[in-house]
Amino acid sequence: WRAGGNEKAVVALPSGRQQFTPVGKYKADGILETLILHSATK
């Protein structure tokens, strides 16, 4: 909440499956590619 300026916050959680196909200059690590980003404003 402090990081979001006391106005918002994002919680990144793994989904267990890839959300995009790693291509080009991107090396997959099995973590970032699986994330779902949950945003709260309260």
Full PDB file with SEQRES, HELIX, SHEET, SSBOND, CRYST1, ORIGX, SCALE, CONECT and MASTER records, all heavy atoms in Angstrom:
SEQRES   1 A   42  TRP ARG ALA GLY GLY ASN GLU LYS ALA VAL VAL ALA LEU          
SEQRES   2 A   42  PRO SER GLY ARG GLN GLN PHE THR PRO VAL GLY LYS TYR          
SEQRES   3 A   42  LYS ALA ASP GLY ILE LEU GLU THR LEU ILE LEU HIS SER          
SEQRES   4 A   42  ALA THR LYS                                                  
HELIX    1 AA1 LEU A   32  THR A   34  5                                   3    
SHEET    1 AA1 2 ALA A   9  PRO A  14  0                                        
SHEET    2 AA1 2 LEU A  35  ALA A  40 -1                                        
CRYST1    1.000    1.000    1.000  90.00  90.00  90.00 P 1           1          
ORIGX1      1.000000  0.000000  0.000000        0.00000                         
ORIGX2      0.000000  1.000000  0.000000        0.00000                         
ORIGX3      0.000000  0.000000  1.000000        0.00000                         
SCALE1      1.000000  0.000000  0.000000        0.00000                         
SCALE2      0.000000  1.000000  0.000000        0.00000                         
SCALE3      0.000000  0.000000  1.000000        0.00000                         
ATOM      1  N   TRP A   1       0.837  -1.201   0.000  1.00  0.00           N  
ATOM      2  CA  TRP A   1       0.000   0.000   0.000  1.00  0.00           C  
ATOM      3  C   TRP A   1       0.878   1.260   0.000  1.00  0.00           C  
ATOM      4  O   TRP A   1       0.589   2.240  -0.697  1.00  0.00           O  
ATOM      5  CB  TRP A   1      -0.949  -0.033   1.189  1.00  0.00           C  
ATOM      6  CG  TRP A   1      -2.084   0.937   1.085  1.00  0.00           C  
ATOM      7  CD1 TRP A   1      -2.313   2.026   1.885  1.00  0.00           C  
ATOM      8  CD2 TRP A   1      -3.152   0.920   0.130  1.00  0.00           C  
ATOM      9  NE1 TRP A   1      -3.452   2.680   1.482  1.00  0.00           N  
ATOM     10  CE2 TRP A   1      -3.991   2.019   0.410  1.00  0.00           C  
ATOM     11  CE3 TRP A   1      -3.472   0.072  -0.941  1.00  0.00           C  
ATOM     12  CZ2 TRP A   1      -5.134   2.297  -0.337  1.00  0.00           C  
ATOM     13  CZ3 TRP A   1      -4.611   0.348  -1.686  1.00  0.00           C  
ATOM     14  CH2 TRP A   1      -5.433   1.450  -1.386  1.00  0.00           C  
ATOM     15  N   ARG A   2       1.960   1.236   0.771  1.00  0.00           N  
ATOM     16  CA  ARG A   2       2.890   2.372   0.763  1.00  0.00           C  
ATOM     17  C   ARG A   2       3.554   2.518  -0.598  1.00  0.00           C  
ATOM     18  O   ARG A   2       3.752   3.630  -1.094  1.00  0.00           O  
ATOM     19  CB  ARG A   2       3.958   2.195   1.843  1.00  0.00           C  
ATOM     20  CG  ARG A   2       3.551   2.753   3.199  1.00  0.00           C  
ATOM     21  CD  ARG A   2       4.687   2.665   4.194  1.00  0.00           C  
ATOM     22  NE  ARG A   2       4.841   1.308   4.683  1.00  0.00           N  
ATOM     23  CZ  ARG A   2       5.999   0.768   5.056  1.00  0.00           C  
ATOM     24  NH1 ARG A   2       7.112   1.466   4.970  1.00  0.00           N  
ATOM     25  NH2 ARG A   2       6.060  -0.453   5.506  1.00  0.00           N  
ATOM     26  N   ALA A   3       3.926   1.390  -1.209  1.00  0.00           N  
ATOM     27  CA  ALA A   3       4.566   1.430  -2.533  1.00  0.00           C  
ATOM     28  C   ALA A   3       3.640   2.066  -3.564  1.00  0.00           C  
ATOM     29  O   ALA A   3       4.093   2.767  -4.474  1.00  0.00           O  
ATOM     30  CB  ALA A   3       4.953   0.020  -2.976  1.00  0.00           C  
ATOM     31  N   GLY A   4       2.337   1.831  -3.399  1.00  0.00           N  
ATOM     32  CA  GLY A   4       1.347   2.388  -4.314  1.00  0.00           C  
ATOM     33  C   GLY A   4       0.868   3.771  -3.925  1.00  0.00           C  
ATOM     34  O   GLY A   4      -0.204   4.205  -4.386  1.00  0.00           O  
ATOM     35  N   GLY A   5       1.615   4.457  -3.075  1.00  0.00           N  
ATOM     36  CA  GLY A   5       1.266   5.821  -2.690  1.00  0.00           C  
ATOM     37  C   GLY A   5      -0.003   5.915  -1.863  1.00  0.00           C  
ATOM     38  O   GLY A   5      -0.691   6.940  -1.885  1.00  0.00           O  
ATOM     39  N   ASN A   6      -0.324   4.848  -1.119  1.00  0.00           N  
ATOM     40  CA  ASN A   6      -1.537   4.781  -0.289  1.00  0.00           C  
ATOM     41  C   ASN A   6      -2.817   4.940  -1.107  1.00  0.00           C  
ATOM     42  O   ASN A   6      -3.843   5.381  -0.603  1.00  0.00           O  
ATOM     43  CB  ASN A   6      -1.500   5.845   0.825  1.00  0.00           C  
ATOM     44  CG  ASN A   6      -0.327   5.638   1.768  1.00  0.00           C  
ATOM     45  OD1 ASN A   6      -0.048   4.518   2.181  1.00  0.00           O  
ATOM     46  ND2 ASN A   6       0.373   6.703   2.087  1.00  0.00           N  
ATOM     47  N   GLU A   7      -2.743   4.563  -2.385  1.00  0.00           N  
ATOM     48  CA  GLU A   7      -3.903   4.667  -3.270  1.00  0.00           C  
ATOM     49  C   GLU A   7      -4.238   3.365  -3.974  1.00  0.00           C  
ATOM     50  O   GLU A   7      -5.376   3.126  -4.348  1.00  0.00           O  
ATOM     51  CB  GLU A   7      -3.663   5.745  -4.340  1.00  0.00           C  
ATOM     52  CG  GLU A   7      -3.585   7.161  -3.779  1.00  0.00           C  
ATOM     53  CD  GLU A   7      -3.341   8.192  -4.866  1.00  0.00           C  
ATOM     54  OE1 GLU A   7      -3.067   7.794  -6.026  1.00  0.00           O  
ATOM     55  OE2 GLU A   7      -3.434   9.397  -4.564  1.00  0.00           O  
ATOM     56  N   LYS A   8      -3.221   2.521  -4.152  1.00  0.00           N  
ATOM     57  CA  LYS A   8      -3.445   1.274  -4.888  1.00  0.00           C  
ATOM     58  C   LYS A   8      -2.350   0.283  -4.534  1.00  0.00           C  
ATOM     59  O   LYS A   8      -1.335   0.648  -3.934  1.00  0.00           O  
ATOM     60  CB  LYS A   8      -3.421   1.522  -6.407  1.00  0.00           C  
ATOM     61  CG  LYS A   8      -2.084   2.032  -6.928  1.00  0.00           C  
ATOM     62  CD  LYS A   8      -2.123   2.289  -8.418  1.00  0.00           C  
ATOM     63  CE  LYS A   8      -0.803   2.866  -8.937  1.00  0.00           C  
ATOM     64  NZ  LYS A   8       0.346   1.968  -8.786  1.00  0.00           N  
ATOM     65  N   ALA A   9      -2.567  -0.967  -4.909  1.00  0.00           N  
ATOM     66  CA  ALA A   9      -1.551  -2.000  -4.742  1.00  0.00           C  
ATOM     67  C   ALA A   9      -1.772  -3.081  -5.781  1.00  0.00           C  
ATOM     68  O   ALA A   9      -2.902  -3.329  -6.206  1.00  0.00           O  
ATOM     69  CB  ALA A   9      -1.605  -2.598  -3.340  1.00  0.00           C  
ATOM     70  N   VAL A  10      -0.690  -3.710  -6.193  1.00  0.00           N  
ATOM     71  CA  VAL A  10      -0.754  -4.836  -7.130  1.00  0.00           C  
ATOM     72  C   VAL A  10      -0.159  -6.056  -6.442  1.00  0.00           C  
ATOM     73  O   VAL A  10       0.931  -5.975  -5.863  1.00  0.00           O  
ATOM     74  CB  VAL A  10       0.026  -4.538  -8.430  1.00  0.00           C  
ATOM     75  CG1 VAL A  10       0.024  -5.751  -9.352  1.00  0.00           C  
ATOM     76  CG2 VAL A  10      -0.569  -3.332  -9.147  1.00  0.00           C  
ATOM     77  N   VAL A  11      -0.879  -7.164  -6.483  1.00  0.00           N  
ATOM     78  CA  VAL A  11      -0.388  -8.427  -5.924  1.00  0.00           C  
ATOM     79  C   VAL A  11      -0.170  -9.386  -7.085  1.00  0.00           C  
ATOM     80  O   VAL A  11      -1.117  -9.745  -7.800  1.00  0.00           O  
ATOM     81  CB  VAL A  11      -1.387  -9.031  -4.919  1.00  0.00           C  
ATOM     82  CG1 VAL A  11      -0.817 -10.316  -4.306  1.00  0.00           C  
ATOM     83  CG2 VAL A  11      -1.734  -8.023  -3.828  1.00  0.00           C  
ATOM     84  N   ALA A  12       1.070  -9.785  -7.283  1.00  0.00           N  
ATOM     85  CA  ALA A  12       1.416 -10.711  -8.359  1.00  0.00           C  
ATOM     86  C   ALA A  12       1.419 -12.138  -7.813  1.00  0.00           C  
ATOM     87  O   ALA A  12       2.140 -12.432  -6.860  1.00  0.00           O  
ATOM     88  CB  ALA A  12       2.793 -10.360  -8.930  1.00  0.00           C  
ATOM     89  N   LEU A  13       0.602 -13.006  -8.417  1.00  0.00           N  
ATOM     90  CA  LEU A  13       0.517 -14.404  -7.977  1.00  0.00           C  
ATOM     91  C   LEU A  13       0.668 -15.341  -9.173  1.00  0.00           C  
ATOM     92  O   LEU A  13       0.198 -15.018 -10.272  1.00  0.00           O  
ATOM     93  CB  LEU A  13      -0.829 -14.670  -7.294  1.00  0.00           C  
ATOM     94  CG  LEU A  13      -1.109 -13.915  -5.980  1.00  0.00           C  
ATOM     95  CD1 LEU A  13      -2.504 -14.260  -5.488  1.00  0.00           C  
ATOM     96  CD2 LEU A  13      -0.068 -14.242  -4.928  1.00  0.00           C  
ATOM     97  N   PRO A  14       1.293 -16.496  -8.968  1.00  0.00           N  
ATOM     98  CA  PRO A  14       1.464 -17.440 -10.071  1.00  0.00           C  
ATOM     99  C   PRO A  14       0.155 -18.148 -10.412  1.00  0.00           C  
ATOM    100  O   PRO A  14      -0.654 -18.431  -9.533  1.00  0.00           O  
ATOM    101  CB  PRO A  14       2.495 -18.429  -9.525  1.00  0.00           C  
ATOM    102  CG  PRO A  14       2.313 -18.379  -8.038  1.00  0.00           C  
ATOM    103  CD  PRO A  14       1.896 -16.978  -7.718  1.00  0.00           C  
ATOM    104  N   SER A  15      -0.029 -18.422 -11.684  1.00  0.00           N  
ATOM    105  CA  SER A  15      -1.244 -19.109 -12.134  1.00  0.00           C  
ATOM    106  C   SER A  15      -1.004 -20.594 -12.387  1.00  0.00           C  
ATOM    107  O   SER A  15      -1.945 -21.365 -12.523  1.00  0.00           O  
ATOM    108  CB  SER A  15      -1.747 -18.474 -13.438  1.00  0.00           C  
ATOM    109  OG  SER A  15      -0.783 -18.659 -14.468  1.00  0.00           O  
ATOM    110  N   GLY A  16       0.279 -20.977 -12.472  1.00  0.00           N  
ATOM    111  CA  GLY A  16       0.583 -22.378 -12.744  1.00  0.00           C  
ATOM    112  C   GLY A  16       0.735 -22.700 -14.227  1.00  0.00           C  
ATOM    113  O   GLY A  16       1.070 -23.818 -14.591  1.00  0.00           O  
ATOM    114  N   ARG A  17       0.484 -21.696 -15.075  1.00  0.00           N  
ATOM    115  CA  ARG A  17       0.687 -21.923 -16.516  1.00  0.00           C  
ATOM    116  C   ARG A  17       1.135 -20.620 -17.181  1.00  0.00           C  
ATOM    117  O   ARG A  17       0.890 -19.533 -16.682  1.00  0.00           O  
ATOM    118  CB  ARG A  17      -0.591 -22.439 -17.185  1.00  0.00           C  
ATOM    119  CG  ARG A  17      -1.778 -21.537 -17.071  1.00  0.00           C  
ATOM    120  CD  ARG A  17      -3.040 -22.240 -17.580  1.00  0.00           C  
ATOM    121  NE  ARG A  17      -4.206 -21.370 -17.512  1.00  0.00           N  
ATOM    122  CZ  ARG A  17      -4.568 -20.518 -18.448  1.00  0.00           C  
ATOM    123  NH1 ARG A  17      -3.846 -20.392 -19.547  1.00  0.00           N  
ATOM    124  NH2 ARG A  17      -5.642 -19.766 -18.313  1.00  0.00           N  
ATOM    125  N   GLN A  18       1.789 -20.769 -18.322  1.00  0.00           N  
ATOM    126  CA  GLN A  18       2.307 -19.605 -19.032  1.00  0.00           C  
ATOM    127  C   GLN A  18       1.181 -18.707 -19.525  1.00  0.00           C  
ATOM    128  O   GLN A  18       0.184 -19.184 -20.059  1.00  0.00           O  
ATOM    129  CB  GLN A  18       3.159 -20.041 -20.228  1.00  0.00           C  
ATOM    130  CG  GLN A  18       4.560 -20.469 -19.862  1.00  0.00           C  
ATOM    131  CD  GLN A  18       5.446 -20.639 -21.093  1.00  0.00           C  
ATOM    132  OE1 GLN A  18       4.983 -20.614 -22.218  1.00  0.00           O  
ATOM    133  NE2 GLN A  18       6.732 -20.827 -20.866  1.00  0.00           N  
ATOM    134  N   GLN A  19       1.344 -17.406 -19.342  1.00  0.00           N  
ATOM    135  CA  GLN A  19       0.360 -16.430 -19.802  1.00  0.00           C  
ATOM    136  C   GLN A  19       0.739 -15.824 -21.149  1.00  0.00           C  
ATOM    137  O   GLN A  19      -0.066 -15.147 -21.778  1.00  0.00           O  
ATOM    138  CB  GLN A  19       0.203 -15.318 -18.757  1.00  0.00           C  
ATOM    139  CG  GLN A  19      -0.271 -15.812 -17.401  1.00  0.00           C  
ATOM    140  CD  GLN A  19      -1.622 -16.509 -17.478  1.00  0.00           C  
ATOM    141  OE1 GLN A  19      -2.537 -16.066 -18.170  1.00  0.00           O  
ATOM    142  NE2 GLN A  19      -1.759 -17.620 -16.775  1.00  0.00           N  
ATOM    143  N   PHE A  20       1.968 -16.071 -21.578  1.00  0.00           N  
ATOM    144  CA  PHE A  20       2.414 -15.632 -22.907  1.00  0.00           C  
ATOM    145  C   PHE A  20       3.518 -16.572 -23.363  1.00  0.00           C  
ATOM    146  O   PHE A  20       4.109 -17.295 -22.566  1.00  0.00           O  
ATOM    147  CB  PHE A  20       2.898 -14.177 -22.889  1.00  0.00           C  
ATOM    148  CG  PHE A  20       4.097 -13.932 -22.004  1.00  0.00           C  
ATOM    149  CD1 PHE A  20       5.393 -14.167 -22.462  1.00  0.00           C  
ATOM    150  CD2 PHE A  20       3.932 -13.450 -20.710  1.00  0.00           C  
ATOM    151  CE1 PHE A  20       6.489 -13.943 -21.643  1.00  0.00           C  
ATOM    152  CE2 PHE A  20       5.025 -13.213 -19.887  1.00  0.00           C  
ATOM    153  CZ  PHE A  20       6.309 -13.461 -20.360  1.00  0.00           C  
ATOM    154  N   THR A  21       3.787 -16.557 -24.663  1.00  0.00           N  
ATOM    155  CA  THR A  21       4.844 -17.396 -25.218  1.00  0.00           C  
ATOM    156  C   THR A  21       6.140 -16.598 -25.272  1.00  0.00           C  
ATOM    157  O   THR A  21       6.193 -15.563 -25.947  1.00  0.00           O  
ATOM    158  CB  THR A  21       4.474 -17.864 -26.645  1.00  0.00           C  
ATOM    159  OG1 THR A  21       3.218 -18.546 -26.588  1.00  0.00           O  
ATOM    160  CG2 THR A  21       5.536 -18.795 -27.202  1.00  0.00           C  
ATOM    161  N   PRO A  22       7.165 -17.050 -24.543  1.00  0.00           N  
ATOM    162  CA  PRO A  22       8.440 -16.324 -24.554  1.00  0.00           C  
ATOM    163  C   PRO A  22       9.081 -16.371 -25.939  1.00  0.00           C  
ATOM    164  O   PRO A  22       9.343 -17.449 -26.476  1.00  0.00           O  
ATOM    165  CB  PRO A  22       9.294 -17.087 -23.536  1.00  0.00           C  
ATOM    166  CG  PRO A  22       8.315 -17.848 -22.701  1.00  0.00           C  
ATOM    167  CD  PRO A  22       7.189 -18.186 -23.620  1.00  0.00           C  
ATOM    168  N   VAL A  23       9.289 -15.192 -26.532  1.00  0.00           N  
ATOM    169  CA  VAL A  23       9.911 -15.104 -27.856  1.00  0.00           C  
ATOM    170  C   VAL A  23      10.921 -13.965 -27.853  1.00  0.00           C  
ATOM    171  O   VAL A  23      10.909 -13.100 -26.967  1.00  0.00           O  
ATOM    172  CB  VAL A  23       8.857 -14.843 -28.968  1.00  0.00           C  
ATOM    173  CG1 VAL A  23       7.953 -16.049 -29.160  1.00  0.00           C  
ATOM    174  CG2 VAL A  23       8.028 -13.600 -28.661  1.00  0.00           C  
ATOM    175  N   GLY A  24      11.779 -13.969 -28.868  1.00  0.00           N  
ATOM    176  CA  GLY A  24      12.732 -12.872 -29.018  1.00  0.00           C  
ATOM    177  C   GLY A  24      13.723 -12.802 -27.882  1.00  0.00           C  
ATOM    178  O   GLY A  24      14.136 -13.817 -27.321  1.00  0.00           O  
ATOM    179  N   LYS A  25      14.100 -11.586 -27.500  1.00  0.00           N  
ATOM    180  CA  LYS A  25      15.114 -11.380 -26.466  1.00  0.00           C  
ATOM    181  C   LYS A  25      14.482 -11.448 -25.080  1.00  0.00           C  
ATOM    182  O   LYS A  25      14.421 -10.465 -24.350  1.00  0.00           O  
ATOM    183  CB  LYS A  25      15.814 -10.041 -26.674  1.00  0.00           C  
ATOM    184  CG  LYS A  25      16.677 -10.005 -27.920  1.00  0.00           C  
ATOM    185  CD  LYS A  25      17.470  -8.724 -28.004  1.00  0.00           C  
ATOM    186  CE  LYS A  25      18.413  -8.762 -29.202  1.00  0.00           C  
ATOM    187  NZ  LYS A  25      19.226  -7.540 -29.295  1.00  0.00           N  
ATOM    188  N   TYR A  26      14.017 -12.620 -24.754  1.00  0.00           N  
ATOM    189  CA  TYR A  26      13.428 -12.855 -23.433  1.00  0.00           C  
ATOM    190  C   TYR A  26      13.727 -14.290 -23.030  1.00  0.00           C  
ATOM    191  O   TYR A  26      13.407 -15.235 -23.764  1.00  0.00           O  
ATOM    192  CB  TYR A  26      11.913 -12.630 -23.445  1.00  0.00           C  
ATOM    193  CG  TYR A  26      11.266 -12.906 -22.097  1.00  0.00           C  
ATOM    194  CD1 TYR A  26      11.213 -11.914 -21.124  1.00  0.00           C  
ATOM    195  CD2 TYR A  26      10.776 -14.172 -21.774  1.00  0.00           C  
ATOM    196  CE1 TYR A  26      10.659 -12.162 -19.871  1.00  0.00           C  
ATOM    197  CE2 TYR A  26      10.227 -14.433 -20.531  1.00  0.00           C  
ATOM    198  CZ  TYR A  26      10.171 -13.431 -19.580  1.00  0.00           C  
ATOM    199  OH  TYR A  26       9.640 -13.695 -18.347  1.00  0.00           O  
ATOM    200  N   LYS A  27      14.337 -14.443 -21.855  1.00  0.00           N  
ATOM    201  CA  LYS A  27      14.649 -15.782 -21.348  1.00  0.00           C  
ATOM    202  C   LYS A  27      13.638 -16.155 -20.277  1.00  0.00           C  
ATOM    203  O   LYS A  27      13.503 -15.443 -19.279  1.00  0.00           O  
ATOM    204  CB  LYS A  27      16.070 -15.831 -20.794  1.00  0.00           C  
ATOM    205  CG  LYS A  27      16.506 -17.236 -20.386  1.00  0.00           C  
ATOM    206  CD  LYS A  27      17.959 -17.257 -19.953  1.00  0.00           C  
ATOM    207  CE  LYS A  27      18.390 -18.667 -19.564  1.00  0.00           C  
ATOM    208  NZ  LYS A  27      19.785 -18.698 -19.092  1.00  0.00           N  
ATOM    209  N   ALA A  28      12.916 -17.241 -20.490  1.00  0.00           N  
ATOM    210  CA  ALA A  28      11.893 -17.679 -19.538  1.00  0.00           C  
ATOM    211  C   ALA A  28      12.538 -18.181 -18.257  1.00  0.00           C  
ATOM    212  O   ALA A  28      13.599 -18.796 -18.276  1.00  0.00           O  
ATOM    213  CB  ALA A  28      11.043 -18.777 -20.165  1.00  0.00           C  
ATOM    214  N   ASP A  29      11.876 -17.900 -17.120  1.00  0.00           N  
ATOM    215  CA  ASP A  29      12.381 -18.408 -15.838  1.00  0.00           C  
ATOM    216  C   ASP A  29      11.353 -19.266 -15.109  1.00  0.00           C  
ATOM    217  O   ASP A  29      11.591 -19.734 -14.008  1.00  0.00           O  
ATOM    218  CB  ASP A  29      12.836 -17.253 -14.938  1.00  0.00           C  
ATOM    219  CG  ASP A  29      11.747 -16.217 -14.687  1.00  0.00           C  
ATOM    220  OD1 ASP A  29      10.560 -16.571 -14.772  1.00  0.00           O  
ATOM    221  OD2 ASP A  29      12.083 -15.059 -14.393  1.00  0.00           O  
ATOM    222  N   GLY A  30      10.175 -19.440 -15.725  1.00  0.00           N  
ATOM    223  CA  GLY A  30       9.138 -20.278 -15.120  1.00  0.00           C  
ATOM    224  C   GLY A  30       8.344 -19.583 -14.039  1.00  0.00           C  
ATOM    225  O   GLY A  30       7.474 -20.185 -13.418  1.00  0.00           O  
ATOM    226  N   ILE A  31       8.619 -18.306 -13.809  1.00  0.00           N  
ATOM    227  CA  ILE A  31       7.902 -17.561 -12.764  1.00  0.00           C  
ATOM    228  C   ILE A  31       7.164 -16.367 -13.357  1.00  0.00           C  
ATOM    229  O   ILE A  31       5.934 -16.304 -13.321  1.00  0.00           O  
ATOM    230  CB  ILE A  31       8.864 -17.099 -11.656  1.00  0.00           C  
ATOM    231  CG1 ILE A  31       9.520 -18.308 -10.986  1.00  0.00           C  
ATOM    232  CG2 ILE A  31       8.120 -16.265 -10.612  1.00  0.00           C  
ATOM    233  CD1 ILE A  31      10.659 -17.976 -10.062  1.00  0.00           C  
ATOM    234  N   LEU A  32       7.903 -15.420 -13.916  1.00  0.00           N  
ATOM    235  CA  LEU A  32       7.277 -14.204 -14.440  1.00  0.00           C  
ATOM    236  C   LEU A  32       6.218 -14.513 -15.488  1.00  0.00           C  
ATOM    237  O   LEU A  32       5.171 -13.861 -15.537  1.00  0.00           O  
ATOM    238  CB  LEU A  32       8.330 -13.262 -15.034  1.00  0.00           C  
ATOM    239  CG  LEU A  32       9.261 -12.537 -14.063  1.00  0.00           C  
ATOM    240  CD1 LEU A  32      10.112 -11.522 -14.805  1.00  0.00           C  
ATOM    241  CD2 LEU A  32       8.500 -11.871 -12.937  1.00  0.00           C  
ATOM    242  N   GLU A  33       6.469 -15.529 -16.324  1.00  0.00           N  
ATOM    243  CA  GLU A  33       5.530 -15.839 -17.410  1.00  0.00           C  
ATOM    244  C   GLU A  33       4.182 -16.356 -16.907  1.00  0.00           C  
ATOM    245  O   GLU A  33       3.211 -16.364 -17.651  1.00  0.00           O  
ATOM    246  CB  GLU A  33       6.112 -16.899 -18.363  1.00  0.00           C  
ATOM    247  CG  GLU A  33       7.489 -16.603 -18.870  1.00  0.00           C  
ATOM    248  CD  GLU A  33       8.567 -17.126 -17.926  1.00  0.00           C  
ATOM    249  OE1 GLU A  33       8.566 -18.324 -17.614  1.00  0.00           O  
ATOM    250  OE2 GLU A  33       9.403 -16.306 -17.494  1.00  0.00           O  
ATOM    251  N   THR A  34       4.130 -16.787 -15.654  1.00  0.00           N  
ATOM    252  CA  THR A  34       2.896 -17.395 -15.130  1.00  0.00           C  
ATOM    253  C   THR A  34       2.041 -16.431 -14.319  1.00  0.00           C  
ATOM    254  O   THR A  34       0.969 -16.801 -13.841  1.00  0.00           O  
ATOM    255  CB  THR A  34       3.228 -18.598 -14.217  1.00  0.00           C  
ATOM    256  OG1 THR A  34       3.776 -18.114 -12.980  1.00  0.00           O  
ATOM    257  CG2 THR A  34       4.210 -19.559 -14.876  1.00  0.00           C  
ATOM    258  N   LEU A  35       2.501 -15.196 -14.161  1.00  0.00           N  
ATOM    259  CA  LEU A  35       1.868 -14.302 -13.186  1.00  0.00           C  
ATOM    260  C   LEU A  35       0.523 -13.743 -13.628  1.00  0.00           C  
ATOM    261  O   LEU A  35       0.328 -13.390 -14.789  1.00  0.00           O  
ATOM    262  CB  LEU A  35       2.802 -13.136 -12.861  1.00  0.00           C  
ATOM    263  CG  LEU A  35       4.124 -13.488 -12.166  1.00  0.00           C  
ATOM    264  CD1 LEU A  35       4.914 -12.224 -11.877  1.00  0.00           C  
ATOM    265  CD2 LEU A  35       3.876 -14.275 -10.880  1.00  0.00           C  
ATOM    266  N   ILE A  36      -0.382 -13.665 -12.654  1.00  0.00           N  
ATOM    267  CA  ILE A  36      -1.617 -12.898 -12.778  1.00  0.00           C  
ATOM    268  C   ILE A  36      -1.476 -11.714 -11.822  1.00  0.00           C  
ATOM    269  O   ILE A  36      -1.070 -11.877 -10.672  1.00  0.00           O  
ATOM    270  CB  ILE A  36      -2.863 -13.732 -12.400  1.00  0.00           C  
ATOM    271  CG1 ILE A  36      -2.953 -14.988 -13.279  1.00  0.00           C  
ATOM    272  CG2 ILE A  36      -4.132 -12.886 -12.524  1.00  0.00           C  
ATOM    273  CD1 ILE A  36      -3.301 -14.732 -14.721  1.00  0.00           C  
ATOM    274  N   LEU A  37      -1.797 -10.534 -12.306  1.00  0.00           N  
ATOM    275  CA  LEU A  37      -1.629  -9.310 -11.518  1.00  0.00           C  
ATOM    276  C   LEU A  37      -2.983  -8.850 -11.003  1.00  0.00           C  
ATOM    277  O   LEU A  37      -3.897  -8.575 -11.781  1.00  0.00           O  
ATOM    278  CB  LEU A  37      -0.979  -8.229 -12.387  1.00  0.00           C  
ATOM    279  CG  LEU A  37       0.258  -8.683 -13.185  1.00  0.00           C  
ATOM    280  CD1 LEU A  37       0.769  -7.564 -14.059  1.00  0.00           C  
ATOM    281  CD2 LEU A  37       1.344  -9.207 -12.252  1.00  0.00           C  
ATOM    282  N   HIS A  38      -3.103  -8.785  -9.690  1.00  0.00           N  
ATOM    283  CA  HIS A  38      -4.371  -8.441  -9.031  1.00  0.00           C  
ATOM    284  C   HIS A  38      -4.245  -7.037  -8.447  1.00  0.00           C  
ATOM    285  O   HIS A  38      -3.409  -6.802  -7.568  1.00  0.00           O  
ATOM    286  CB  HIS A  38      -4.687  -9.457  -7.935  1.00  0.00           C  
ATOM    287  CG  HIS A  38      -4.628 -10.880  -8.406  1.00  0.00           C  
ATOM    288  ND1 HIS A  38      -5.698 -11.521  -8.992  1.00  0.00           N  
ATOM    289  CD2 HIS A  38      -3.609 -11.778  -8.381  1.00  0.00           C  
ATOM    290  CE1 HIS A  38      -5.351 -12.762  -9.304  1.00  0.00           C  
ATOM    291  NE2 HIS A  38      -4.094 -12.941  -8.945  1.00  0.00           N  
ATOM    292  N   SER A  39      -5.081  -6.110  -8.902  1.00  0.00           N  
ATOM    293  CA  SER A  39      -4.987  -4.714  -8.478  1.00  0.00           C  
ATOM    294  C   SER A  39      -6.124  -4.341  -7.542  1.00  0.00           C  
ATOM    295  O   SER A  39      -7.288  -4.624  -7.826  1.00  0.00           O  
ATOM    296  CB  SER A  39      -5.021  -3.791  -9.701  1.00  0.00           C  
ATOM    297  OG  SER A  39      -3.954  -4.106 -10.571  1.00  0.00           O  
ATOM    298  N   ALA A  40      -5.766  -3.705  -6.432  1.00  0.00           N  
ATOM    299  CA  ALA A  40      -6.755  -3.231  -5.458  1.00  0.00           C  
ATOM    300  C   ALA A  40      -6.609  -1.724  -5.295  1.00  0.00           C  
ATOM    301  O   ALA A  40      -5.492  -1.200  -5.291  1.00  0.00           O  
ATOM    302  CB  ALA A  40      -6.558  -3.919  -4.113  1.00  0.00           C  
ATOM    303  N   THR A  41      -7.734  -1.026  -5.169  1.00  0.00           N  
ATOM    304  CA  THR A  41      -7.695   0.419  -4.940  1.00  0.00           C  
ATOM    305  C   THR A  41      -8.280   0.782  -3.581  1.00  0.00           C  
ATOM    306  O   THR A  41      -8.430   1.961  -3.260  1.00  0.00           O  
ATOM    307  CB  THR A  41      -8.465   1.169  -6.048  1.00  0.00           C  
ATOM    308  OG1 THR A  41      -9.780   0.618  -6.142  1.00  0.00           O  
ATOM    309  CG2 THR A  41      -7.761   1.039  -7.391  1.00  0.00           C  
ATOM    310  N   LYS A  42      -8.587  -0.233  -2.778  1.00  0.00           N  
ATOM    311  CA  LYS A  42      -9.017  -0.019  -1.395  1.00  0.00           C  
ATOM    312  C   LYS A  42      -8.162  -0.900  -0.482  1.00  0.00           C  
ATOM    313  O   LYS A  42      -7.972  -2.083  -0.749  1.00  0.00           O  
ATOM    314  CB  LYS A  42     -10.497  -0.374  -1.213  1.00  0.00           C  
ATOM    315  CG  LYS A  42     -11.449   0.604  -1.893  1.00  0.00           C  
ATOM    316  CD  LYS A  42     -12.881   0.231  -1.584  1.00  0.00           C  
ATOM    317  CE  LYS A  42     -13.858   1.201  -2.255  1.00  0.00           C  
ATOM    318  NZ  LYS A  42     -15.265   0.803  -2.018  1.00  0.00           N  
TER     319      LYS A  42                                                      
MASTER        0    0    0    1    2    0    0    6  318    1    0    4          
END                                                                             
